[in-house]
Amino acid sequence: DWVAMRTKYFALALIPGKGSSEGAYLEGARKHAPDKGAMESYNIA
């Protein structure tokens, strides 16, 4: 029905026409950020 990604307060979603898709792919990665922080990035299809 859809694939999506989000941060704490914001999101992105890819919504294909009803019944028109045939699968999905999700992938994630995490990396260090300054001041002991962290960043996550996602690839959706």
PDB file of all heavy atoms in Angstrom:
ATOM      1  N   ASP A   1       0.827  -1.212   0.000  1.00  0.00           N
ATOM      2  CA  ASP A   1       0.000   0.000   0.000  1.00  0.00           C
ATOM      3  C   ASP A   1       0.860   1.261   0.000  1.00  0.00           C
ATOM      4  O   ASP A   1       0.508   2.254  -0.616  1.00  0.00           O
ATOM      5  CB  ASP A   1      -0.928   0.006   1.215  1.00  0.00           C
ATOM      6  CG  ASP A   1      -1.905  -1.158   1.190  1.00  0.00           C
ATOM      7  OD1 ASP A   1      -2.617  -1.302   0.184  1.00  0.00           O
ATOM      8  OD2 ASP A   1      -1.940  -1.922   2.168  1.00  0.00           O
ATOM      9  N   TRP A   2       1.972   1.209   0.711  1.00  0.00           N
ATOM     10  CA  TRP A   2       2.887   2.351   0.747  1.00  0.00           C
ATOM     11  C   TRP A   2       4.194   1.951   1.418  1.00  0.00           C
ATOM     12  O   TRP A   2       4.275   0.943   2.131  1.00  0.00           O
ATOM     13  CB  TRP A   2       2.271   3.556   1.480  1.00  0.00           C
ATOM     14  CG  TRP A   2       1.588   3.259   2.784  1.00  0.00           C
ATOM     15  CD1 TRP A   2       0.245   3.061   2.982  1.00  0.00           C
ATOM     16  CD2 TRP A   2       2.190   3.119   4.086  1.00  0.00           C
ATOM     17  NE1 TRP A   2      -0.020   2.814   4.307  1.00  0.00           N
ATOM     18  CE2 TRP A   2       1.154   2.863   5.010  1.00  0.00           C
ATOM     19  CE3 TRP A   2       3.491   3.210   4.548  1.00  0.00           C
ATOM     20  CZ2 TRP A   2       1.386   2.668   6.375  1.00  0.00           C
ATOM     21  CZ3 TRP A   2       3.746   3.020   5.916  1.00  0.00           C
ATOM     22  CH2 TRP A   2       2.683   2.756   6.803  1.00  0.00           C
ATOM     23  N   VAL A   3       5.217   2.745   1.168  1.00  0.00           N
ATOM     24  CA  VAL A   3       6.473   2.658   1.910  1.00  0.00           C
ATOM     25  C   VAL A   3       6.737   4.047   2.472  1.00  0.00           C
ATOM     26  O   VAL A   3       6.293   5.054   1.912  1.00  0.00           O
ATOM     27  CB  VAL A   3       7.653   2.191   1.040  1.00  0.00           C
ATOM     28  CG1 VAL A   3       7.463   0.760   0.579  1.00  0.00           C
ATOM     29  CG2 VAL A   3       7.858   3.107  -0.156  1.00  0.00           C
ATOM     30  N   ALA A   4       7.443   4.111   3.594  1.00  0.00           N
ATOM     31  CA  ALA A   4       7.636   5.403   4.247  1.00  0.00           C
ATOM     32  C   ALA A   4       8.900   5.389   5.092  1.00  0.00           C
ATOM     33  O   ALA A   4       9.457   4.335   5.410  1.00  0.00           O
ATOM     34  CB  ALA A   4       6.424   5.740   5.117  1.00  0.00           C
ATOM     35  N   MET A   5       9.337   6.588   5.449  1.00  0.00           N
ATOM     36  CA  MET A   5      10.403   6.778   6.417  1.00  0.00           C
ATOM     37  C   MET A   5      10.036   7.992   7.262  1.00  0.00           C
ATOM     38  O   MET A   5       9.214   8.817   6.871  1.00  0.00           O
ATOM     39  CB  MET A   5      11.754   7.001   5.730  1.00  0.00           C
ATOM     40  CG  MET A   5      11.847   8.305   4.952  1.00  0.00           C
ATOM     41  SD  MET A   5      13.480   8.597   4.232  1.00  0.00           S
ATOM     42  CE  MET A   5      13.446   7.456   2.852  1.00  0.00           C
ATOM     43  N   ARG A   6      10.648   8.082   8.448  1.00  0.00           N
ATOM     44  CA  ARG A   6      10.325   9.199   9.321  1.00  0.00           C
ATOM     45  C   ARG A   6      11.519   9.587  10.180  1.00  0.00           C
ATOM     46  O   ARG A   6      12.464   8.805  10.358  1.00  0.00           O
ATOM     47  CB  ARG A   6       9.144   8.873  10.224  1.00  0.00           C
ATOM     48  CG  ARG A   6       9.407   7.747  11.216  1.00  0.00           C
ATOM     49  CD  ARG A   6       8.343   7.673  12.295  1.00  0.00           C
ATOM     50  NE  ARG A   6       8.391   8.848  13.163  1.00  0.00           N
ATOM     51  CZ  ARG A   6       7.606   8.999  14.229  1.00  0.00           C
ATOM     52  NH1 ARG A   6       6.712   8.063  14.525  1.00  0.00           N
ATOM     53  NH2 ARG A   6       7.703  10.067  14.979  1.00  0.00           N
ATOM     54  N   THR A   7      11.486  10.819  10.683  1.00  0.00           N
ATOM     55  CA  THR A   7      12.340  11.249  11.779  1.00  0.00           C
ATOM     56  C   THR A   7      11.410  11.389  12.986  1.00  0.00           C
ATOM     57  O   THR A   7      10.384  10.728  13.044  1.00  0.00           O
ATOM     58  CB  THR A   7      13.045  12.572  11.433  1.00  0.00           C
ATOM     59  OG1 THR A   7      12.059  13.555  11.087  1.00  0.00           O
ATOM     60  CG2 THR A   7      14.001  12.373  10.261  1.00  0.00           C
ATOM     61  N   LYS A   8      11.726  12.253  13.942  1.00  0.00           N
ATOM     62  CA  LYS A   8      10.858  12.356  15.112  1.00  0.00           C
ATOM     63  C   LYS A   8       9.507  12.971  14.763  1.00  0.00           C
ATOM     64  O   LYS A   8       8.465  12.469  15.188  1.00  0.00           O
ATOM     65  CB  LYS A   8      11.535  13.172  16.205  1.00  0.00           C
ATOM     66  CG  LYS A   8      10.716  13.224  17.497  1.00  0.00           C
ATOM     67  CD  LYS A   8      11.453  13.910  18.627  1.00  0.00           C
ATOM     68  CE  LYS A   8      10.624  13.862  19.912  1.00  0.00           C
ATOM     69  NZ  LYS A   8      11.310  14.497  21.054  1.00  0.00           N
ATOM     70  N   TYR A   9       9.523  14.040  13.980  1.00  0.00           N
ATOM     71  CA  TYR A   9       8.282  14.765  13.722  1.00  0.00           C
ATOM     72  C   TYR A   9       7.894  14.871  12.255  1.00  0.00           C
ATOM     73  O   TYR A   9       6.837  15.421  11.944  1.00  0.00           O
ATOM     74  CB  TYR A   9       8.379  16.180  14.303  1.00  0.00           C
ATOM     75  CG  TYR A   9       8.384  16.216  15.814  1.00  0.00           C
ATOM     76  CD1 TYR A   9       9.487  16.700  16.512  1.00  0.00           C
ATOM     77  CD2 TYR A   9       7.294  15.757  16.545  1.00  0.00           C
ATOM     78  CE1 TYR A   9       9.497  16.737  17.899  1.00  0.00           C
ATOM     79  CE2 TYR A   9       7.294  15.788  17.927  1.00  0.00           C
ATOM     80  CZ  TYR A   9       8.398  16.278  18.605  1.00  0.00           C
ATOM     81  OH  TYR A   9       8.396  16.304  19.976  1.00  0.00           O
ATOM     82  N   PHE A  10       8.716  14.359  11.335  1.00  0.00           N
ATOM     83  CA  PHE A  10       8.421  14.522   9.921  1.00  0.00           C
ATOM     84  C   PHE A  10       8.603  13.194   9.190  1.00  0.00           C
ATOM     85  O   PHE A  10       9.349  12.318   9.632  1.00  0.00           O
ATOM     86  CB  PHE A  10       9.315  15.610   9.312  1.00  0.00           C
ATOM     87  CG  PHE A  10       9.145  16.946   9.996  1.00  0.00           C
ATOM     88  CD1 PHE A  10      10.056  17.377  10.944  1.00  0.00           C
ATOM     89  CD2 PHE A  10       8.044  17.736   9.717  1.00  0.00           C
ATOM     90  CE1 PHE A  10       9.884  18.586  11.600  1.00  0.00           C
ATOM     91  CE2 PHE A  10       7.863  18.946  10.360  1.00  0.00           C
ATOM     92  CZ  PHE A  10       8.792  19.379  11.308  1.00  0.00           C
ATOM     93  N   ALA A  11       7.898  13.082   8.068  1.00  0.00           N
ATOM     94  CA  ALA A  11       7.870  11.798   7.371  1.00  0.00           C
ATOM     95  C   ALA A  11       7.806  11.993   5.868  1.00  0.00           C
ATOM     96  O   ALA A  11       7.423  13.049   5.359  1.00  0.00           O
ATOM     97  CB  ALA A  11       6.677  10.967   7.836  1.00  0.00           C
ATOM     98  N   LEU A  12       8.196  10.939   5.171  1.00  0.00           N
ATOM     99  CA  LEU A  12       8.041  10.845   3.718  1.00  0.00           C
ATOM    100  C   LEU A  12       7.395   9.511   3.404  1.00  0.00           C
ATOM    101  O   LEU A  12       7.749   8.491   4.001  1.00  0.00           O
ATOM    102  CB  LEU A  12       9.396  10.963   3.019  1.00  0.00           C
ATOM    103  CG  LEU A  12       9.355  10.741   1.501  1.00  0.00           C
ATOM    104  CD1 LEU A  12      10.250  11.732   0.794  1.00  0.00           C
ATOM    105  CD2 LEU A  12       9.762   9.319   1.122  1.00  0.00           C
ATOM    106  N   ALA A  13       6.454   9.511   2.478  1.00  0.00           N
ATOM    107  CA  ALA A  13       5.795   8.265   2.071  1.00  0.00           C
ATOM    108  C   ALA A  13       5.641   8.230   0.557  1.00  0.00           C
ATOM    109  O   ALA A  13       5.319   9.249  -0.062  1.00  0.00           O
ATOM    110  CB  ALA A  13       4.436   8.129   2.748  1.00  0.00           C
ATOM    111  N   LEU A  14       5.896   7.075  -0.029  1.00  0.00           N
ATOM    112  CA  LEU A  14       5.632   6.826  -1.443  1.00  0.00           C
ATOM    113  C   LEU A  14       4.400   5.937  -1.513  1.00  0.00           C
ATOM    114  O   LEU A  14       4.403   4.802  -1.006  1.00  0.00           O
ATOM    115  CB  LEU A  14       6.826   6.133  -2.106  1.00  0.00           C
ATOM    116  CG  LEU A  14       8.183   6.849  -2.013  1.00  0.00           C
ATOM    117  CD1 LEU A  14       9.268   6.013  -2.699  1.00  0.00           C
ATOM    118  CD2 LEU A  14       8.115   8.237  -2.630  1.00  0.00           C
ATOM    119  N   ILE A  15       3.343   6.469  -2.137  1.00  0.00           N
ATOM    120  CA  ILE A  15       2.053   5.777  -2.150  1.00  0.00           C
ATOM    121  C   ILE A  15       1.677   5.453  -3.592  1.00  0.00           C
ATOM    122  O   ILE A  15       1.233   6.329  -4.345  1.00  0.00           O
ATOM    123  CB  ILE A  15       0.961   6.655  -1.515  1.00  0.00           C
ATOM    124  CG1 ILE A  15       1.424   7.170  -0.145  1.00  0.00           C
ATOM    125  CG2 ILE A  15      -0.344   5.886  -1.399  1.00  0.00           C
ATOM    126  CD1 ILE A  15       0.560   8.281   0.413  1.00  0.00           C
ATOM    127  N   PRO A  16       1.881   4.214  -4.030  1.00  0.00           N
ATOM    128  CA  PRO A  16       1.524   3.861  -5.410  1.00  0.00           C
ATOM    129  C   PRO A  16       0.017   3.780  -5.586  1.00  0.00           C
ATOM    130  O   PRO A  16      -0.729   3.650  -4.600  1.00  0.00           O
ATOM    131  CB  PRO A  16       2.183   2.493  -5.595  1.00  0.00           C
ATOM    132  CG  PRO A  16       2.224   1.905  -4.214  1.00  0.00           C
ATOM    133  CD  PRO A  16       2.429   3.067  -3.286  1.00  0.00           C
ATOM    134  N   GLY A  17      -0.446   3.874  -6.831  1.00  0.00           N
ATOM    135  CA  GLY A  17      -1.865   3.690  -7.104  1.00  0.00           C
ATOM    136  C   GLY A  17      -2.333   2.343  -6.578  1.00  0.00           C
ATOM    137  O   GLY A  17      -1.567   1.371  -6.536  1.00  0.00           O
ATOM    138  N   LYS A  18      -3.576   2.261  -6.168  1.00  0.00           N
ATOM    139  CA  LYS A  18      -4.095   1.061  -5.520  1.00  0.00           C
ATOM    140  C   LYS A  18      -3.886  -0.182  -6.369  1.00  0.00           C
ATOM    141  O   LYS A  18      -4.304  -0.249  -7.520  1.00  0.00           O
ATOM    142  CB  LYS A  18      -5.581   1.248  -5.219  1.00  0.00           C
ATOM    143  CG  LYS A  18      -6.166   0.129  -4.361  1.00  0.00           C
ATOM    144  CD  LYS A  18      -7.585   0.440  -3.946  1.00  0.00           C
ATOM    145  CE  LYS A  18      -8.128  -0.655  -3.036  1.00  0.00           C
ATOM    146  NZ  LYS A  18      -9.520  -0.377  -2.597  1.00  0.00           N
ATOM    147  N   GLY A  19      -3.188  -1.164  -5.770  1.00  0.00           N
ATOM    148  CA  GLY A  19      -2.965  -2.443  -6.434  1.00  0.00           C
ATOM    149  C   GLY A  19      -1.958  -2.419  -7.561  1.00  0.00           C
ATOM    150  O   GLY A  19      -1.811  -3.412  -8.281  1.00  0.00           O
ATOM    151  N   SER A  20      -1.216  -1.298  -7.722  1.00  0.00           N
ATOM    152  CA  SER A  20      -0.328  -1.196  -8.886  1.00  0.00           C
ATOM    153  C   SER A  20       1.096  -1.628  -8.615  1.00  0.00           C
ATOM    154  O   SER A  20       1.899  -1.773  -9.543  1.00  0.00           O
ATOM    155  CB  SER A  20      -0.310   0.253  -9.394  1.00  0.00           C
ATOM    156  OG  SER A  20       0.214   1.129  -8.408  1.00  0.00           O
ATOM    157  N   SER A  21       1.465  -1.843  -7.362  1.00  0.00           N
ATOM    158  CA  SER A  21       2.850  -2.207  -7.030  1.00  0.00           C
ATOM    159  C   SER A  21       3.013  -3.718  -6.988  1.00  0.00           C
ATOM    160  O   SER A  21       2.045  -4.471  -6.982  1.00  0.00           O
ATOM    161  CB  SER A  21       3.239  -1.597  -5.687  1.00  0.00           C
ATOM    162  OG  SER A  21       2.444  -2.160  -4.652  1.00  0.00           O
ATOM    163  N   GLU A  22       4.252  -4.147  -6.906  1.00  0.00           N
ATOM    164  CA  GLU A  22       4.511  -5.583  -6.778  1.00  0.00           C
ATOM    165  C   GLU A  22       5.627  -5.885  -5.779  1.00  0.00           C
ATOM    166  O   GLU A  22       6.210  -6.963  -5.797  1.00  0.00           O
ATOM    167  CB  GLU A  22       4.854  -6.195  -8.144  1.00  0.00           C
ATOM    168  CG  GLU A  22       6.099  -5.659  -8.805  1.00  0.00           C
ATOM    169  CD  GLU A  22       6.388  -6.372 -10.123  1.00  0.00           C
ATOM    170  OE1 GLU A  22       5.442  -6.941 -10.685  1.00  0.00           O
ATOM    171  OE2 GLU A  22       7.558  -6.368 -10.554  1.00  0.00           O
ATOM    172  N   GLY A  23       5.916  -4.927  -4.900  1.00  0.00           N
ATOM    173  CA  GLY A  23       6.919  -5.173  -3.874  1.00  0.00           C
ATOM    174  C   GLY A  23       7.528  -3.887  -3.358  1.00  0.00           C
ATOM    175  O   GLY A  23       7.150  -2.786  -3.757  1.00  0.00           O
ATOM    176  N   ALA A  24       8.465  -4.041  -2.435  1.00  0.00           N
ATOM    177  CA  ALA A  24       9.114  -2.881  -1.831  1.00  0.00           C
ATOM    178  C   ALA A  24      10.503  -3.269  -1.356  1.00  0.00           C
ATOM    179  O   ALA A  24      10.825  -4.460  -1.197  1.00  0.00           O
ATOM    180  CB  ALA A  24       8.286  -2.345  -0.672  1.00  0.00           C
ATOM    181  N   TYR A  25      11.310  -2.247  -1.125  1.00  0.00           N
ATOM    182  CA  TYR A  25      12.656  -2.457  -0.600  1.00  0.00           C
ATOM    183  C   TYR A  25      12.940  -1.374   0.439  1.00  0.00           C
ATOM    184  O   TYR A  25      12.665  -0.191   0.219  1.00  0.00           O
ATOM    185  CB  TYR A  25      13.693  -2.393  -1.722  1.00  0.00           C
ATOM    186  CG  TYR A  25      15.129  -2.501  -1.230  1.00  0.00           C
ATOM    187  CD1 TYR A  25      15.653  -3.735  -0.847  1.00  0.00           C
ATOM    188  CD2 TYR A  25      15.943  -1.372  -1.134  1.00  0.00           C
ATOM    189  CE1 TYR A  25      16.954  -3.838  -0.382  1.00  0.00           C
ATOM    190  CE2 TYR A  25      17.249  -1.477  -0.687  1.00  0.00           C
ATOM    191  CZ  TYR A  25      17.748  -2.700  -0.304  1.00  0.00           C
ATOM    192  OH  TYR A  25      19.044  -2.802   0.155  1.00  0.00           O
ATOM    193  N   LEU A  26      13.490  -1.791   1.592  1.00  0.00           N
ATOM    194  CA  LEU A  26      13.858  -0.874   2.667  1.00  0.00           C
ATOM    195  C   LEU A  26      15.301  -1.131   3.065  1.00  0.00           C
ATOM    196  O   LEU A  26      15.734  -2.282   3.152  1.00  0.00           O
ATOM    197  CB  LEU A  26      12.964  -1.086   3.896  1.00  0.00           C
ATOM    198  CG  LEU A  26      11.442  -1.113   3.700  1.00  0.00           C
ATOM    199  CD1 LEU A  26      10.758  -1.483   5.008  1.00  0.00           C
ATOM    200  CD2 LEU A  26      10.944   0.231   3.203  1.00  0.00           C
ATOM    201  N   GLU A  27      16.019  -0.054   3.337  1.00  0.00           N
ATOM    202  CA  GLU A  27      17.410  -0.180   3.774  1.00  0.00           C
ATOM    203  C   GLU A  27      17.743   0.985   4.699  1.00  0.00           C
ATOM    204  O   GLU A  27      17.293   2.118   4.479  1.00  0.00           O
ATOM    205  CB  GLU A  27      18.358  -0.174   2.569  1.00  0.00           C
ATOM    206  CG  GLU A  27      19.827  -0.344   2.944  1.00  0.00           C
ATOM    207  CD  GLU A  27      20.735  -0.234   1.730  1.00  0.00           C
ATOM    208  OE1 GLU A  27      20.407   0.550   0.813  1.00  0.00           O
ATOM    209  OE2 GLU A  27      21.774  -0.912   1.707  1.00  0.00           O
ATOM    210  N   GLY A  28      18.505   0.708   5.759  1.00  0.00           N
ATOM    211  CA  GLY A  28      18.848   1.754   6.714  1.00  0.00           C
ATOM    212  C   GLY A  28      20.319   1.774   7.055  1.00  0.00           C
ATOM    213  O   GLY A  28      21.025   0.772   6.906  1.00  0.00           O
ATOM    214  N   ALA A  29      20.790   2.935   7.509  1.00  0.00           N
ATOM    215  CA  ALA A  29      22.184   3.089   7.925  1.00  0.00           C
ATOM    216  C   ALA A  29      22.248   4.135   9.026  1.00  0.00           C
ATOM    217  O   ALA A  29      21.425   5.052   9.084  1.00  0.00           O
ATOM    218  CB  ALA A  29      23.059   3.500   6.749  1.00  0.00           C
ATOM    219  N   ARG A  30      23.216   4.001   9.881  1.00  0.00           N
ATOM    220  CA  ARG A  30      23.433   4.930  10.989  1.00  0.00           C
ATOM    221  C   ARG A  30      24.886   5.371  10.994  1.00  0.00           C
ATOM    222  O   ARG A  30      25.780   4.568  10.731  1.00  0.00           O
ATOM    223  CB  ARG A  30      23.074   4.258  12.321  1.00  0.00           C
ATOM    224  CG  ARG A  30      23.138   5.175  13.551  1.00  0.00           C
ATOM    225  CD  ARG A  30      22.837   4.364  14.801  1.00  0.00           C
ATOM    226  NE  ARG A  30      22.915   5.145  16.025  1.00  0.00           N
ATOM    227  CZ  ARG A  30      21.870   5.644  16.680  1.00  0.00           C
ATOM    228  NH1 ARG A  30      20.660   5.437  16.200  1.00  0.00           N
ATOM    229  NH2 ARG A  30      22.013   6.328  17.794  1.00  0.00           N
ATOM    230  N   LYS A  31      25.118   6.638  11.284  1.00  0.00           N
ATOM    231  CA  LYS A  31      26.487   7.152  11.360  1.00  0.00           C
ATOM    232  C   LYS A  31      26.613   8.111  12.531  1.00  0.00           C
ATOM    233  O   LYS A  31      25.622   8.640  13.037  1.00  0.00           O
ATOM    234  CB  LYS A  31      26.870   7.851  10.055  1.00  0.00           C
ATOM    235  CG  LYS A  31      26.082   9.120   9.763  1.00  0.00           C
ATOM    236  CD  LYS A  31      26.555   9.768   8.475  1.00  0.00           C
ATOM    237  CE  LYS A  31      25.788  11.069   8.210  1.00  0.00           C
ATOM    238  NZ  LYS A  31      26.242  11.734   6.964  1.00  0.00           N
ATOM    239  N   HIS A  32      27.854   8.322  12.959  1.00  0.00           N
ATOM    240  CA  HIS A  32      28.108   9.233  14.062  1.00  0.00           C
ATOM    241  C   HIS A  32      27.953  10.678  13.615  1.00  0.00           C
ATOM    242  O   HIS A  32      28.167  11.022  12.448  1.00  0.00           O
ATOM    243  CB  HIS A  32      29.514   9.017  14.616  1.00  0.00           C
ATOM    244  CG  HIS A  32      29.717   7.660  15.237  1.00  0.00           C
ATOM    245  ND1 HIS A  32      29.000   7.233  16.332  1.00  0.00           N
ATOM    246  CD2 HIS A  32      30.551   6.633  14.899  1.00  0.00           C
ATOM    247  CE1 HIS A  32      29.381   6.006  16.657  1.00  0.00           C
ATOM    248  NE2 HIS A  32      30.313   5.620  15.809  1.00  0.00           N
ATOM    249  N   ALA A  33      27.559  11.537  14.565  1.00  0.00           N
ATOM    250  CA  ALA A  33      27.425  12.969  14.320  1.00  0.00           C
ATOM    251  C   ALA A  33      28.215  13.714  15.397  1.00  0.00           C
ATOM    252  O   ALA A  33      28.568  13.129  16.433  1.00  0.00           O
ATOM    253  CB  ALA A  33      25.954  13.382  14.331  1.00  0.00           C
ATOM    254  N   PRO A  34      28.530  14.992  15.184  1.00  0.00           N
ATOM    255  CA  PRO A  34      29.290  15.757  16.183  1.00  0.00           C
ATOM    256  C   PRO A  34      28.609  15.785  17.550  1.00  0.00           C
ATOM    257  O   PRO A  34      27.399  15.611  17.665  1.00  0.00           O
ATOM    258  CB  PRO A  34      29.358  17.163  15.564  1.00  0.00           C
ATOM    259  CG  PRO A  34      29.183  16.946  14.099  1.00  0.00           C
ATOM    260  CD  PRO A  34      28.266  15.773  13.964  1.00  0.00           C
ATOM    261  N   ASP A  35      29.413  16.010  18.593  1.00  0.00           N
ATOM    262  CA  ASP A  35      28.918  16.125  19.973  1.00  0.00           C
ATOM    263  C   ASP A  35      28.159  14.883  20.420  1.00  0.00           C
ATOM    264  O   ASP A  35      27.076  14.967  21.008  1.00  0.00           O
ATOM    265  CB  ASP A  35      28.020  17.364  20.121  1.00  0.00           C
ATOM    266  CG  ASP A  35      28.748  18.658  19.794  1.00  0.00           C
ATOM    267  OD1 ASP A  35      29.935  18.754  20.138  1.00  0.00           O
ATOM    268  OD2 ASP A  35      28.130  19.543  19.193  1.00  0.00           O
ATOM    269  N   LYS A  36      28.730  13.711  20.110  1.00  0.00           N
ATOM    270  CA  LYS A  36      28.171  12.422  20.521  1.00  0.00           C
ATOM    271  C   LYS A  36      26.779  12.181  19.933  1.00  0.00           C
ATOM    272  O   LYS A  36      25.967  11.458  20.514  1.00  0.00           O
ATOM    273  CB  LYS A  36      28.098  12.318  22.051  1.00  0.00           C
ATOM    274  CG  LYS A  36      29.443  12.441  22.743  1.00  0.00           C
ATOM    275  CD  LYS A  36      29.308  12.305  24.254  1.00  0.00           C
ATOM    276  CE  LYS A  36      30.638  12.452  24.950  1.00  0.00           C
ATOM    277  NZ  LYS A  36      30.512  12.344  26.427  1.00  0.00           N
ATOM    278  N   GLY A  37      26.497  12.784  18.796  1.00  0.00           N
ATOM    279  CA  GLY A  37      25.207  12.618  18.147  1.00  0.00           C
ATOM    280  C   GLY A  37      25.179  11.418  17.221  1.00  0.00           C
ATOM    281  O   GLY A  37      26.145  10.651  17.114  1.00  0.00           O
ATOM    282  N   ALA A  38      24.054  11.243  16.544  1.00  0.00           N
ATOM    283  CA  ALA A  38      23.880  10.133  15.608  1.00  0.00           C
ATOM    284  C   ALA A  38      22.887  10.546  14.533  1.00  0.00           C
ATOM    285  O   ALA A  38      21.956  11.304  14.787  1.00  0.00           O
ATOM    286  CB  ALA A  38      23.388   8.880  16.323  1.00  0.00           C
ATOM    287  N   MET A  39      23.104  10.034  13.325  1.00  0.00           N
ATOM    288  CA  MET A  39      22.211  10.324  12.207  1.00  0.00           C
ATOM    289  C   MET A  39      21.833   9.011  11.537  1.00  0.00           C
ATOM    290  O   MET A  39      22.691   8.173  11.273  1.00  0.00           O
ATOM    291  CB  MET A  39      22.900  11.231  11.184  1.00  0.00           C
ATOM    292  CG  MET A  39      23.383  12.562  11.747  1.00  0.00           C
ATOM    293  SD  MET A  39      22.068  13.761  11.944  1.00  0.00           S
ATOM    294  CE  MET A  39      21.790  14.229  10.253  1.00  0.00           C
ATOM    295  N   GLU A  40      20.550   8.844  11.269  1.00  0.00           N
ATOM    296  CA  GLU A  40      20.080   7.670  10.552  1.00  0.00           C
ATOM    297  C   GLU A  40      19.514   8.097   9.203  1.00  0.00           C
ATOM    298  O   GLU A  40      18.846   9.128   9.102  1.00  0.00           O
ATOM    299  CB  GLU A  40      19.007   6.929  11.355  1.00  0.00           C
ATOM    300  CG  GLU A  40      19.554   6.271  12.612  1.00  0.00           C
ATOM    301  CD  GLU A  40      18.504   5.477  13.364  1.00  0.00           C
ATOM    302  OE1 GLU A  40      17.444   5.177  12.763  1.00  0.00           O
ATOM    303  OE2 GLU A  40      18.728   5.166  14.551  1.00  0.00           O
ATOM    304  N   SER A  41      19.806   7.304   8.186  1.00  0.00           N
ATOM    305  CA  SER A  41      19.324   7.599   6.839  1.00  0.00           C
ATOM    306  C   SER A  41      18.737   6.326   6.243  1.00  0.00           C
ATOM    307  O   SER A  41      19.276   5.225   6.441  1.00  0.00           O
ATOM    308  CB  SER A  41      20.466   8.105   5.953  1.00  0.00           C
ATOM    309  OG  SER A  41      20.012   8.382   4.657  1.00  0.00           O
ATOM    310  N   TYR A  42      17.629   6.482   5.515  1.00  0.00           N
ATOM    311  CA  TYR A  42      16.938   5.319   4.970  1.00  0.00           C
ATOM    312  C   TYR A  42      16.732   5.453   3.468  1.00  0.00           C
ATOM    313  O   TYR A  42      16.573   6.556   2.941  1.00  0.00           O
ATOM    314  CB  TYR A  42      15.599   5.118   5.680  1.00  0.00           C
ATOM    315  CG  TYR A  42      15.784   4.711   7.118  1.00  0.00           C
ATOM    316  CD1 TYR A  42      15.869   5.673   8.122  1.00  0.00           C
ATOM    317  CD2 TYR A  42      15.941   3.377   7.466  1.00  0.00           C
ATOM    318  CE1 TYR A  42      16.084   5.312   9.438  1.00  0.00           C
ATOM    319  CE2 TYR A  42      16.148   3.000   8.781  1.00  0.00           C
ATOM    320  CZ  TYR A  42      16.223   3.971   9.766  1.00  0.00           C
ATOM    321  OH  TYR A  42      16.443   3.596  11.067  1.00  0.00           O
ATOM    322  N   ASN A  43      16.769   4.313   2.828  1.00  0.00           N
ATOM    323  CA  ASN A  43      16.533   4.202   1.391  1.00  0.00           C
ATOM    324  C   ASN A  43      15.278   3.351   1.215  1.00  0.00           C
ATOM    325  O   ASN A  43      15.227   2.208   1.681  1.00  0.00           O
ATOM    326  CB  ASN A  43      17.746   3.547   0.726  1.00  0.00           C
ATOM    327  CG  ASN A  43      17.552   3.293  -0.752  1.00  0.00           C
ATOM    328  OD1 ASN A  43      16.516   3.628  -1.330  1.00  0.00           O
ATOM    329  ND2 ASN A  43      18.535   2.678  -1.372  1.00  0.00           N
ATOM    330  N   ILE A  44      14.255   3.918   0.589  1.00  0.00           N
ATOM    331  CA  ILE A  44      13.018   3.168   0.382  1.00  0.00           C
ATOM    332  C   ILE A  44      12.684   3.138  -1.109  1.00  0.00           C
ATOM    333  O   ILE A  44      13.044   4.053  -1.857  1.00  0.00           O
ATOM    334  CB  ILE A  44      11.835   3.766   1.174  1.00  0.00           C
ATOM    335  CG1 ILE A  44      11.549   5.202   0.723  1.00  0.00           C
ATOM    336  CG2 ILE A  44      12.092   3.697   2.666  1.00  0.00           C
ATOM    337  CD1 ILE A  44      10.331   5.821   1.401  1.00  0.00           C
ATOM    338  N   ALA A  45      12.035   2.078  -1.531  1.00  0.00           N
ATOM    339  CA  ALA A  45      11.681   1.932  -2.947  1.00  0.00           C
ATOM    340  C   ALA A  45      10.381   1.148  -3.082  1.00  0.00           C
ATOM    341  O   ALA A  45      10.114   0.212  -2.317  1.00  0.00           O
ATOM    342  CB  ALA A  45      12.796   1.221  -3.702  1.00  0.00           C
TER     343      ALA A  45
END
